Amino acid sequence: MDTIKTERYLNLLLEKTYDAQRGYSNAAEVTERVQLKNWFAKQGARRTLFAASLTGELKGMNKTPELDGSFTGDMHRGWMNIKAAMSPNTDESILEECLTGDQSAVKEYDLVLEHKKVLPPTVVSILETQKDEIQATVNKVKTLENFAHHQHL
């Protein structure tokens, strides 16, 4: 097990997780539909649990976890707000941005999991579980996006 690589990989995913948590919280604030507000809030809460799990693994290795998201994530949320303000169908554009963010997260998890031989088995298990849940969220967002698009027509 390479703790330096493990620390780097977990902190990369932790940063991405903070970005997703804030993105979903932001989406919950922007949408006016109660069902979507609740769903976005739930996704934000799930990402908070993901972050806690990753942080716990880092602390268990006596490593320092990242405490914040990325500049790119901040820019993405800013773009989400601008797009929502200018879009005739806000929910559809918010879902599109959530989809983009989560698809990017799945790719990050895939990249880290390519190196699972250097990761502790417990970390691999956590990452695979989180990645699978994010992929399921991607599928759900696609469904919601199609529904929002058809409601707009």
Protein backbone atom coordinates (compact mmCIF):
# COMPACT_ATOMS: atom_id res chain seq x y z
CA MET A 1 0.00 0.00 0.00
CA ASP A 2 1.36 3.39 -1.03
CA THR A 3 0.01 5.90 1.51
CA ILE A 4 1.30 8.92 -0.43
CA LYS A 5 -0.59 7.89 -3.57
CA THR A 6 -3.63 6.89 -1.53
CA GLU A 7 -3.62 10.28 0.17
CA ARG A 8 -3.36 12.08 -3.18
CA TYR A 9 -6.16 10.02 -4.73
CA LEU A 10 -8.49 10.39 -1.75
CA ASN A 11 -7.90 14.14 -1.54
CA LEU A 12 -8.61 14.48 -5.27
CA LEU A 13 -11.93 12.68 -4.81
CA LEU A 14 -12.65 14.56 -1.59
CA GLU A 15 -12.27 17.89 -3.41
CA LYS A 16 -14.62 16.64 -6.14
CA THR A 17 -17.08 15.47 -3.47
CA TYR A 18 -17.13 18.90 -1.81
CA ASP A 19 -17.80 20.43 -5.23
CA ALA A 20 -20.73 18.05 -5.81
CA GLN A 21 -22.14 18.67 -2.35
CA ARG A 22 -22.11 22.43 -2.90
CA GLY A 23 -23.45 22.02 -6.43
CA TYR A 24 -26.44 20.04 -5.27
CA SER A 25 -27.07 22.44 -2.37
CA ASN A 26 -26.94 25.30 -4.85
CA ALA A 27 -29.34 23.47 -7.19
CA ALA A 28 -31.77 22.95 -4.29
CA GLU A 29 -31.75 26.71 -3.66
CA VAL A 30 -32.26 27.65 -7.31
CA THR A 31 -35.09 25.32 -8.31
CA GLU A 32 -38.67 26.20 -7.45
CA ARG A 33 -40.09 22.66 -7.67
CA VAL A 34 -40.42 21.12 -4.22
CA GLN A 35 -39.73 17.56 -5.42
CA LEU A 36 -36.51 18.65 -7.13
CA LYS A 37 -35.50 20.77 -4.11
CA ASN A 38 -35.84 17.69 -1.91
CA TRP A 39 -34.02 15.43 -4.36
CA PHE A 40 -31.14 17.91 -4.81
CA ALA A 41 -30.90 18.37 -1.03
CA LYS A 42 -30.77 14.57 -0.60
CA GLN A 43 -27.96 14.31 -3.15
CA GLY A 44 -26.04 17.05 -1.34
CA ALA A 45 -26.47 15.16 1.93
CA ARG A 46 -25.21 11.94 0.30
CA ARG A 47 -22.09 13.75 -0.88
CA THR A 48 -21.56 15.04 2.66
CA LEU A 49 -21.57 11.41 3.83
CA PHE A 50 -19.16 10.50 1.01
CA ALA A 51 -16.82 13.26 2.20
CA ALA A 52 -17.04 12.05 5.79
CA SER A 53 -16.12 8.54 4.68
CA LEU A 54 -13.12 9.71 2.63
CA THR A 55 -12.02 12.02 5.46
CA GLY A 56 -12.24 9.13 7.92
CA GLU A 57 -10.00 6.98 5.73
CA LEU A 58 -7.43 9.77 5.44
CA LYS A 59 -7.43 10.42 9.18
CA GLY A 60 -7.10 6.67 9.79
CA MET A 61 -3.84 6.81 7.80
CA ASN A 62 -2.73 9.89 9.78
CA LYS A 63 -3.03 12.01 6.64
CA THR A 64 -4.55 15.46 6.32
CA PRO A 65 -7.79 15.62 4.34
CA GLU A 66 -8.61 18.47 1.98
CA LEU A 67 -11.02 20.87 3.59
CA ASP A 68 -12.48 22.60 0.56
CA GLY A 69 -13.62 22.17 -3.00
CA SER A 70 -11.84 23.31 -6.13
CA PHE A 71 -11.69 26.57 -8.03
CA THR A 72 -13.14 24.69 -11.00
CA GLY A 73 -16.11 23.63 -8.86
CA ASP A 74 -16.67 27.23 -7.77
CA MET A 75 -16.65 28.31 -11.42
CA HIS A 76 -19.07 25.53 -12.36
CA ARG A 77 -21.55 26.63 -9.67
CA GLY A 78 -21.25 30.24 -10.81
CA TRP A 79 -21.96 29.15 -14.36
CA MET A 80 -24.94 27.12 -13.09
CA ASN A 81 -26.39 30.25 -11.46
CA ILE A 82 -25.90 32.38 -14.58
CA LYS A 83 -27.35 29.71 -16.84
CA ALA A 84 -30.34 29.20 -14.53
CA ALA A 85 -31.04 32.93 -14.43
CA MET A 86 -30.99 33.21 -18.22
CA SER A 87 -32.67 29.94 -19.14
CA PRO A 88 -36.37 29.70 -19.96
CA ASN A 89 -36.39 26.21 -18.37
CA THR A 90 -34.28 26.56 -15.25
CA ASP A 91 -34.78 23.00 -14.00
CA GLU A 92 -33.60 21.49 -17.25
CA SER A 93 -30.43 23.60 -17.28
CA ILE A 94 -29.72 22.88 -13.59
CA LEU A 95 -30.11 19.15 -14.24
CA GLU A 96 -27.80 19.45 -17.23
CA GLU A 97 -25.11 21.00 -15.02
CA CYS A 98 -25.61 18.33 -12.35
CA LEU A 99 -25.25 15.68 -15.04
CA THR A 100 -22.01 17.24 -16.26
CA GLY A 101 -20.60 17.38 -12.73
CA ASP A 102 -21.52 13.80 -11.87
CA GLN A 103 -20.27 12.39 -15.17
CA SER A 104 -16.96 14.11 -14.45
CA ALA A 105 -16.94 12.60 -10.94
CA VAL A 106 -17.48 9.09 -12.33
CA LYS A 107 -14.47 9.61 -14.62
CA GLU A 108 -12.36 10.75 -11.64
CA TYR A 109 -13.36 7.67 -9.66
CA ASP A 110 -12.54 5.47 -12.66
CA LEU A 111 -9.09 7.06 -12.93
CA VAL A 112 -8.37 6.49 -9.25
CA LEU A 113 -9.72 2.93 -9.36
CA GLU A 114 -7.30 2.14 -12.20
CA HIS A 115 -4.68 2.22 -9.41
CA LYS A 116 -6.59 0.06 -6.95
CA LYS A 117 -3.60 -2.28 -6.53
CA VAL A 118 -1.86 0.43 -4.48
CA LEU A 119 -4.98 1.24 -2.45
CA PRO A 120 -6.10 -0.52 0.72
CA PRO A 121 -9.01 -2.94 0.08
CA THR A 122 -11.30 -0.93 2.39
CA VAL A 123 -10.64 2.20 0.33
CA VAL A 124 -11.30 0.34 -2.93
CA SER A 125 -14.60 -0.92 -1.53
CA ILE A 126 -15.65 2.59 -0.45
CA LEU A 127 -14.67 4.12 -3.79
CA GLU A 128 -16.46 1.46 -5.83
CA THR A 129 -19.62 1.89 -3.75
CA GLN A 130 -19.52 5.69 -4.08
CA LYS A 131 -18.81 5.52 -7.81
CA ASP A 132 -21.74 3.13 -8.33
CA GLU A 133 -24.05 5.48 -6.44
CA ILE A 134 -22.88 8.47 -8.46
CA GLN A 135 -23.44 6.48 -11.68
CA ALA A 136 -26.97 5.67 -10.50
CA THR A 137 -27.46 9.39 -9.86
CA VAL A 138 -26.25 10.14 -13.41
CA ASN A 139 -28.92 7.77 -14.72
CA LYS A 140 -31.59 9.40 -12.52
CA VAL A 141 -30.54 12.90 -13.63
CA LYS A 142 -30.89 11.84 -17.28
CA THR A 143 -34.44 10.66 -16.54
CA LEU A 144 -35.28 13.87 -14.68
CA GLU A 145 -33.76 15.95 -17.47
CA ASN A 146 -35.92 14.17 -20.07
CA PHE A 147 -38.99 14.74 -17.89
CA ALA A 148 -38.14 18.45 -17.44
CA HIS A 149 -37.59 18.79 -21.20
CA HIS A 150 -40.96 17.22 -22.01
CA GLN A 151 -42.73 19.37 -19.39
CA HIS A 152 -41.30 22.42 -21.12
CA LEU A 153 -42.57 21.46 -24.61
